[in-house]
Amino acid sequence: QVQLVESGGGLVQAGGSLRLSCAASGRTFSSNFMGWFRQAPGKEREFVGTITWSGGSTYYADSVKGRFTISRDNAKNTMYLQMNSLKPEDTAVYYCAARGRSWGPVAFSLNDYDYWGQGTQVTVSS
């Protein structure tokens, strides 16, 4: 089992920055990918980005590429999402997620993940 807790959300003006954190506990070494997703009101949850266990590889949705950066500190069991140049359309609840196994291809889909945090609200004002 893996437990995930997000933090760092809030209200920011367009063009600003926020850094989200995802603290993991439990069998974190069993996850070869950890990711970030987001869900805006009335929309489906969508992929934001993902990172390998080693942190050596990251993958991003086109909508955030060049603005968002995922990193992780395995010593602290924490994953981060640095969000820069925020836009009103980035407003959503952001969730971190972990795959429940240590093997498999790049995890882009919701179905690739077995553990989810409770989410943190990010609101970008125009």
N, C-alpha and C. Protein backbone atom coordinates (compact mmCIF):
# COMPACT_ATOMS: atom_id res chain seq x y z
N GLN A 1 0.83 -1.19 0.00
CA GLN A 1 0.00 0.00 0.00
C GLN A 1 0.87 1.26 0.00
N VAL A 2 0.38 2.27 -0.67
CA VAL A 2 1.06 3.56 -0.72
C VAL A 2 0.05 4.63 -0.35
N GLN A 3 0.44 5.53 0.53
CA GLN A 3 -0.41 6.65 0.91
C GLN A 3 0.22 7.93 0.35
N LEU A 4 -0.64 8.78 -0.19
CA LEU A 4 -0.18 10.01 -0.83
C LEU A 4 -0.93 11.21 -0.28
N VAL A 5 -0.19 12.28 0.01
CA VAL A 5 -0.81 13.50 0.53
C VAL A 5 -0.23 14.69 -0.23
N GLU A 6 -1.12 15.42 -0.92
CA GLU A 6 -0.69 16.61 -1.65
C GLU A 6 -0.78 17.85 -0.76
N SER A 7 0.03 18.83 -1.09
CA SER A 7 -0.03 20.13 -0.43
C SER A 7 0.54 21.18 -1.37
N GLY A 8 0.31 22.44 -1.01
CA GLY A 8 0.90 23.54 -1.77
C GLY A 8 -0.04 24.26 -2.70
N GLY A 9 -1.28 23.82 -2.80
CA GLY A 9 -2.22 24.51 -3.66
C GLY A 9 -2.59 25.88 -3.11
N GLY A 10 -3.29 26.65 -3.93
CA GLY A 10 -3.72 27.97 -3.48
C GLY A 10 -4.18 28.82 -4.63
N LEU A 11 -4.31 30.11 -4.36
CA LEU A 11 -4.75 31.09 -5.34
C LEU A 11 -3.55 31.90 -5.81
N VAL A 12 -3.41 32.03 -7.11
CA VAL A 12 -2.28 32.77 -7.68
C VAL A 12 -2.76 33.52 -8.91
N GLN A 13 -2.13 34.64 -9.20
CA GLN A 13 -2.49 35.40 -10.39
C GLN A 13 -1.85 34.76 -11.63
N ALA A 14 -2.47 35.01 -12.75
CA ALA A 14 -1.92 34.52 -14.02
C ALA A 14 -0.48 35.01 -14.18
N GLY A 15 0.36 34.11 -14.65
CA GLY A 15 1.78 34.42 -14.78
C GLY A 15 2.60 34.06 -13.56
N GLY A 16 1.93 33.74 -12.48
CA GLY A 16 2.63 33.40 -11.26
C GLY A 16 3.06 31.95 -11.20
N SER A 17 3.57 31.56 -10.03
CA SER A 17 4.11 30.21 -9.84
C SER A 17 3.59 29.61 -8.55
N LEU A 18 3.54 28.29 -8.54
CA LEU A 18 3.23 27.51 -7.34
C LEU A 18 4.05 26.24 -7.39
N ARG A 19 4.34 25.69 -6.22
CA ARG A 19 4.97 24.38 -6.16
C ARG A 19 4.12 23.46 -5.30
N LEU A 20 3.68 22.38 -5.90
CA LEU A 20 2.93 21.37 -5.18
C LEU A 20 3.87 20.28 -4.70
N SER A 21 3.51 19.71 -3.56
CA SER A 21 4.27 18.59 -3.02
C SER A 21 3.35 17.39 -2.87
N CYS A 22 3.93 16.21 -2.99
CA CYS A 22 3.20 14.97 -2.78
C CYS A 22 4.05 14.10 -1.87
N ALA A 23 3.64 13.98 -0.63
CA ALA A 23 4.37 13.16 0.34
C ALA A 23 3.84 11.73 0.29
N ALA A 24 4.76 10.80 0.09
CA ALA A 24 4.37 9.40 -0.03
C ALA A 24 4.85 8.61 1.18
N SER A 25 4.06 7.62 1.54
CA SER A 25 4.46 6.70 2.61
C SER A 25 4.00 5.30 2.24
N GLY A 26 4.59 4.32 2.88
CA GLY A 26 4.26 2.94 2.56
C GLY A 26 5.27 2.34 1.59
N ARG A 27 4.82 1.45 0.74
CA ARG A 27 5.70 0.73 -0.17
C ARG A 27 6.02 1.55 -1.42
N THR A 28 6.62 2.70 -1.22
CA THR A 28 6.89 3.60 -2.34
C THR A 28 7.88 3.04 -3.34
N PHE A 29 8.74 2.13 -2.87
CA PHE A 29 9.74 1.57 -3.77
C PHE A 29 9.12 0.64 -4.80
N SER A 30 7.85 0.31 -4.59
CA SER A 30 7.17 -0.60 -5.51
C SER A 30 6.58 0.12 -6.71
N SER A 31 6.72 1.44 -6.77
CA SER A 31 6.12 2.22 -7.86
C SER A 31 7.19 2.69 -8.82
N ASN A 32 7.10 2.25 -10.07
CA ASN A 32 8.12 2.72 -11.02
C ASN A 32 7.78 4.07 -11.63
N PHE A 33 6.51 4.49 -11.48
CA PHE A 33 6.11 5.82 -11.94
C PHE A 33 5.22 6.48 -10.90
N MET A 34 5.45 7.76 -10.71
CA MET A 34 4.53 8.60 -9.96
C MET A 34 4.13 9.75 -10.87
N GLY A 35 2.88 10.17 -10.75
CA GLY A 35 2.40 11.17 -11.68
C GLY A 35 1.52 12.23 -11.05
N TRP A 36 1.25 13.24 -11.85
CA TRP A 36 0.33 14.30 -11.48
C TRP A 36 -0.81 14.33 -12.50
N PHE A 37 -2.01 14.48 -12.00
CA PHE A 37 -3.20 14.66 -12.82
C PHE A 37 -3.94 15.88 -12.30
N ARG A 38 -4.90 16.37 -13.09
CA ARG A 38 -5.72 17.48 -12.63
C ARG A 38 -7.13 17.32 -13.17
N GLN A 39 -8.06 17.94 -12.43
CA GLN A 39 -9.46 17.87 -12.83
C GLN A 39 -10.10 19.21 -12.61
N ALA A 40 -10.53 19.83 -13.71
CA ALA A 40 -11.23 21.10 -13.64
C ALA A 40 -12.72 20.83 -13.50
N PRO A 41 -13.47 21.80 -12.99
CA PRO A 41 -14.92 21.61 -12.82
C PRO A 41 -15.59 21.23 -14.13
N GLY A 42 -16.38 20.17 -14.09
CA GLY A 42 -17.11 19.74 -15.26
C GLY A 42 -16.29 19.00 -16.30
N LYS A 43 -15.03 18.74 -15.99
CA LYS A 43 -14.17 18.06 -16.96
C LYS A 43 -13.62 16.76 -16.37
N GLU A 44 -13.11 15.92 -17.24
CA GLU A 44 -12.52 14.68 -16.79
C GLU A 44 -11.12 14.93 -16.24
N ARG A 45 -10.70 14.01 -15.38
CA ARG A 45 -9.35 14.09 -14.85
C ARG A 45 -8.36 13.84 -15.99
N GLU A 46 -7.33 14.69 -16.07
CA GLU A 46 -6.40 14.59 -17.17
C GLU A 46 -4.95 14.49 -16.70
N PHE A 47 -4.15 13.85 -17.52
CA PHE A 47 -2.73 13.67 -17.25
C PHE A 47 -2.00 15.00 -17.33
N VAL A 48 -1.11 15.23 -16.35
CA VAL A 48 -0.25 16.41 -16.36
C VAL A 48 1.19 16.01 -16.65
N GLY A 49 1.67 15.03 -15.90
CA GLY A 49 3.04 14.58 -16.10
C GLY A 49 3.36 13.41 -15.20
N THR A 50 4.50 12.76 -15.48
CA THR A 50 4.90 11.62 -14.70
C THR A 50 6.42 11.56 -14.62
N ILE A 51 6.90 10.84 -13.61
CA ILE A 51 8.34 10.75 -13.38
C ILE A 51 8.68 9.33 -12.97
N THR A 52 9.84 8.85 -13.42
CA THR A 52 10.27 7.52 -13.04
C THR A 52 10.76 7.48 -11.60
N TRP A 53 10.90 6.26 -11.07
CA TRP A 53 11.35 6.10 -9.70
C TRP A 53 12.69 6.81 -9.46
N SER A 54 13.58 6.69 -10.41
CA SER A 54 14.91 7.29 -10.24
C SER A 54 14.89 8.80 -10.43
N GLY A 55 13.83 9.29 -11.05
CA GLY A 55 13.77 10.71 -11.36
C GLY A 55 14.50 11.05 -12.64
N GLY A 56 15.02 10.02 -13.31
CA GLY A 56 15.82 10.27 -14.49
C GLY A 56 15.03 10.63 -15.73
N SER A 57 13.75 10.30 -15.73
CA SER A 57 12.92 10.59 -16.90
C SER A 57 11.60 11.20 -16.47
N THR A 58 11.18 12.21 -17.23
CA THR A 58 9.90 12.85 -17.00
C THR A 58 9.15 12.97 -18.32
N TYR A 59 7.85 13.00 -18.22
CA TYR A 59 6.99 13.11 -19.40
C TYR A 59 5.86 14.07 -19.04
N TYR A 60 5.47 14.90 -20.00
CA TYR A 60 4.48 15.94 -19.72
C TYR A 60 3.40 15.99 -20.79
N ALA A 61 2.24 16.46 -20.37
CA ALA A 61 1.20 16.78 -21.34
C ALA A 61 1.64 18.01 -22.14
N ASP A 62 1.21 18.07 -23.37
CA ASP A 62 1.60 19.21 -24.23
C ASP A 62 1.16 20.54 -23.63
N SER A 63 0.05 20.54 -22.92
CA SER A 63 -0.51 21.78 -22.38
C SER A 63 0.35 22.40 -21.29
N VAL A 64 1.24 21.61 -20.69
CA VAL A 64 2.07 22.13 -19.60
C VAL A 64 3.55 22.09 -19.91
N LYS A 65 3.91 21.48 -21.01
CA LYS A 65 5.31 21.32 -21.36
C LYS A 65 5.99 22.67 -21.47
N GLY A 66 7.15 22.79 -20.82
CA GLY A 66 7.88 24.04 -20.82
C GLY A 66 7.51 24.98 -19.69
N ARG A 67 6.40 24.70 -19.01
CA ARG A 67 5.95 25.53 -17.88
C ARG A 67 6.00 24.78 -16.56
N PHE A 68 5.73 23.50 -16.60
CA PHE A 68 5.68 22.68 -15.38
C PHE A 68 6.89 21.75 -15.34
N THR A 69 7.38 21.50 -14.14
CA THR A 69 8.51 20.58 -13.96
C THR A 69 8.23 19.65 -12.78
N ILE A 70 8.38 18.36 -13.03
CA ILE A 70 8.21 17.36 -11.98
C ILE A 70 9.58 16.91 -11.50
N SER A 71 9.71 16.78 -10.20
CA SER A 71 10.94 16.27 -9.62
C SER A 71 10.58 15.42 -8.40
N ARG A 72 11.56 14.70 -7.90
CA ARG A 72 11.30 13.91 -6.70
C ARG A 72 12.56 13.82 -5.86
N ASP A 73 12.33 13.67 -4.57
CA ASP A 73 13.40 13.48 -3.61
C ASP A 73 13.09 12.18 -2.88
N ASN A 74 13.72 11.11 -3.29
CA ASN A 74 13.40 9.81 -2.71
C ASN A 74 13.81 9.71 -1.25
N ALA A 75 14.81 10.47 -0.86
CA ALA A 75 15.21 10.47 0.55
C ALA A 75 14.10 11.01 1.43
N LYS A 76 13.29 11.90 0.87
CA LYS A 76 12.16 12.47 1.60
C LYS A 76 10.84 11.85 1.19
N ASN A 77 10.89 10.89 0.27
CA ASN A 77 9.65 10.28 -0.24
C ASN A 77 8.66 11.33 -0.71
N THR A 78 9.15 12.30 -1.44
CA THR A 78 8.31 13.42 -1.86
C THR A 78 8.51 13.71 -3.34
N MET A 79 7.41 13.94 -4.02
CA MET A 79 7.42 14.36 -5.41
C MET A 79 6.92 15.80 -5.47
N TYR A 80 7.43 16.55 -6.43
CA TYR A 80 7.07 17.96 -6.56
C TYR A 80 6.53 18.27 -7.96
N LEU A 81 5.72 19.29 -8.01
CA LEU A 81 5.27 19.83 -9.30
C LEU A 81 5.47 21.33 -9.24
N GLN A 82 6.50 21.81 -9.92
CA GLN A 82 6.76 23.24 -10.02
C GLN A 82 5.98 23.77 -11.21
N MET A 83 5.12 24.72 -10.94
CA MET A 83 4.26 25.28 -11.99
C MET A 83 4.59 26.75 -12.18
N ASN A 84 5.05 27.10 -13.34
CA ASN A 84 5.40 28.48 -13.68
C ASN A 84 4.50 28.99 -14.80
N SER A 85 4.48 30.29 -14.97
CA SER A 85 3.69 30.91 -16.04
C SER A 85 2.26 30.37 -16.03
N LEU A 86 1.65 30.36 -14.87
CA LEU A 86 0.33 29.78 -14.73
C LEU A 86 -0.72 30.57 -15.50
N LYS A 87 -1.70 29.85 -16.01
CA LYS A 87 -2.78 30.42 -16.79
C LYS A 87 -4.11 30.09 -16.10
N PRO A 88 -5.14 30.89 -16.35
CA PRO A 88 -6.45 30.57 -15.75
C PRO A 88 -6.92 29.16 -16.09
N GLU A 89 -6.57 28.67 -17.25
CA GLU A 89 -7.00 27.32 -17.64
C GLU A 89 -6.26 26.22 -16.88
N ASP A 90 -5.27 26.59 -16.06
CA ASP A 90 -4.62 25.61 -15.20
C ASP A 90 -5.40 25.39 -13.90
N THR A 91 -6.44 26.17 -13.70
CA THR A 91 -7.26 26.03 -12.51
C THR A 91 -7.89 24.65 -12.46
N ALA A 92 -7.66 23.94 -11.36
CA ALA A 92 -8.14 22.57 -11.22
C ALA A 92 -7.76 22.04 -9.85
N VAL A 93 -8.32 20.90 -9.52
CA VAL A 93 -7.81 20.13 -8.38
C VAL A 93 -6.70 19.24 -8.92
N TYR A 94 -5.55 19.31 -8.28
CA TYR A 94 -4.38 18.54 -8.72
C TYR A 94 -4.20 17.33 -7.81
N TYR A 95 -4.01 16.19 -8.43
CA TYR A 95 -3.85 14.92 -7.72
C TYR A 95 -2.49 14.31 -8.04
N CYS A 96 -1.86 13.73 -7.03
CA CYS A 96 -0.70 12.90 -7.31
C CYS A 96 -1.13 11.44 -7.25
N ALA A 97 -0.38 10.62 -7.95
CA ALA A 97 -0.74 9.22 -8.07
C ALA A 97 0.52 8.37 -8.17
N ALA A 98 0.38 7.11 -7.80
CA ALA A 98 1.50 6.18 -7.86
C ALA A 98 1.03 4.86 -8.46
N ARG A 99 1.88 4.30 -9.30
CA ARG A 99 1.58 2.97 -9.84
C ARG A 99 1.87 1.93 -8.76
N GLY A 100 1.10 0.86 -8.78
CA GLY A 100 1.24 -0.16 -7.75
C GLY A 100 2.18 -1.27 -8.07
N ARG A 101 3.08 -1.05 -9.01
CA ARG A 101 4.07 -2.09 -9.34
C ARG A 101 5.33 -1.42 -9.84
N SER A 102 6.41 -2.19 -9.87
CA SER A 102 7.72 -1.61 -10.17
C SER A 102 8.15 -1.85 -11.61
N TRP A 103 7.22 -2.26 -12.46
CA TRP A 103 7.56 -2.51 -13.86
C TRP A 103 6.43 -2.04 -14.74
N GLY A 104 6.70 -1.95 -16.05
CA GLY A 104 5.68 -1.54 -16.99
C GLY A 104 6.10 -0.31 -17.75
N PRO A 105 5.40 -0.04 -18.86
CA PRO A 105 5.74 1.09 -19.72
C PRO A 105 5.38 2.42 -19.06
N VAL A 106 5.67 3.51 -19.76
CA VAL A 106 5.38 4.84 -19.24
C VAL A 106 3.89 4.95 -18.90
N ALA A 107 3.63 5.51 -17.73
CA ALA A 107 2.26 5.55 -17.22
C ALA A 107 1.61 6.88 -17.54
N PHE A 108 0.83 6.91 -18.63
CA PHE A 108 0.16 8.13 -19.05
C PHE A 108 -1.30 8.17 -18.65
N SER A 109 -1.88 7.01 -18.41
CA SER A 109 -3.33 6.91 -18.23
C SER A 109 -3.72 6.79 -16.76
N LEU A 110 -4.94 7.25 -16.46
CA LEU A 110 -5.46 7.09 -15.09
C LEU A 110 -5.42 5.63 -14.68
N ASN A 111 -5.70 4.74 -15.59
CA ASN A 111 -5.76 3.32 -15.27
C ASN A 111 -4.40 2.71 -14.96
N ASP A 112 -3.34 3.46 -15.25
CA ASP A 112 -1.99 2.98 -14.95
C ASP A 112 -1.64 3.15 -13.47
N TYR A 113 -2.46 3.89 -12.74
CA TYR A 113 -2.14 4.24 -11.36
C TYR A 113 -3.11 3.57 -10.39
N ASP A 114 -2.55 3.15 -9.27
CA ASP A 114 -3.33 2.42 -8.28
C ASP A 114 -3.59 3.21 -7.00
N TYR A 115 -2.79 4.20 -6.74
CA TYR A 115 -2.91 4.96 -5.50
C TYR A 115 -3.04 6.44 -5.84
N TRP A 116 -3.92 7.11 -5.09
CA TRP A 116 -4.22 8.51 -5.35
C TRP A 116 -4.24 9.30 -4.05
N GLY A 117 -3.81 10.57 -4.16
CA GLY A 117 -3.97 11.48 -3.04
C GLY A 117 -5.36 12.08 -3.05
N GLN A 118 -5.61 12.94 -2.08
CA GLN A 118 -6.94 13.53 -1.94
C GLN A 118 -7.12 14.77 -2.80
N GLY A 119 -6.03 15.29 -3.35
CA GLY A 119 -6.10 16.44 -4.23
C GLY A 119 -5.87 17.76 -3.51
N THR A 120 -5.38 18.73 -4.25
CA THR A 120 -5.19 20.09 -3.73
C THR A 120 -5.64 21.08 -4.79
N GLN A 121 -6.38 22.10 -4.36
CA GLN A 121 -6.96 23.05 -5.30
C GLN A 121 -5.94 24.09 -5.73
N VAL A 122 -5.87 24.31 -7.03
CA VAL A 122 -5.07 25.40 -7.61
C VAL A 122 -6.02 26.30 -8.39
N THR A 123 -6.03 27.57 -8.03
CA THR A 123 -6.88 28.54 -8.71
C THR A 123 -6.01 29.66 -9.25
N VAL A 124 -6.13 29.90 -10.55
CA VAL A 124 -5.34 30.93 -11.22
C VAL A 124 -6.30 32.03 -11.67
N SER A 125 -6.12 33.22 -11.15
CA SER A 125 -7.00 34.33 -11.49
C SER A 125 -6.42 35.11 -12.66
N SER A 126 -7.31 35.67 -13.46
CA SER A 126 -6.87 36.41 -14.65
C SER A 126 -6.67 37.88 -14.34
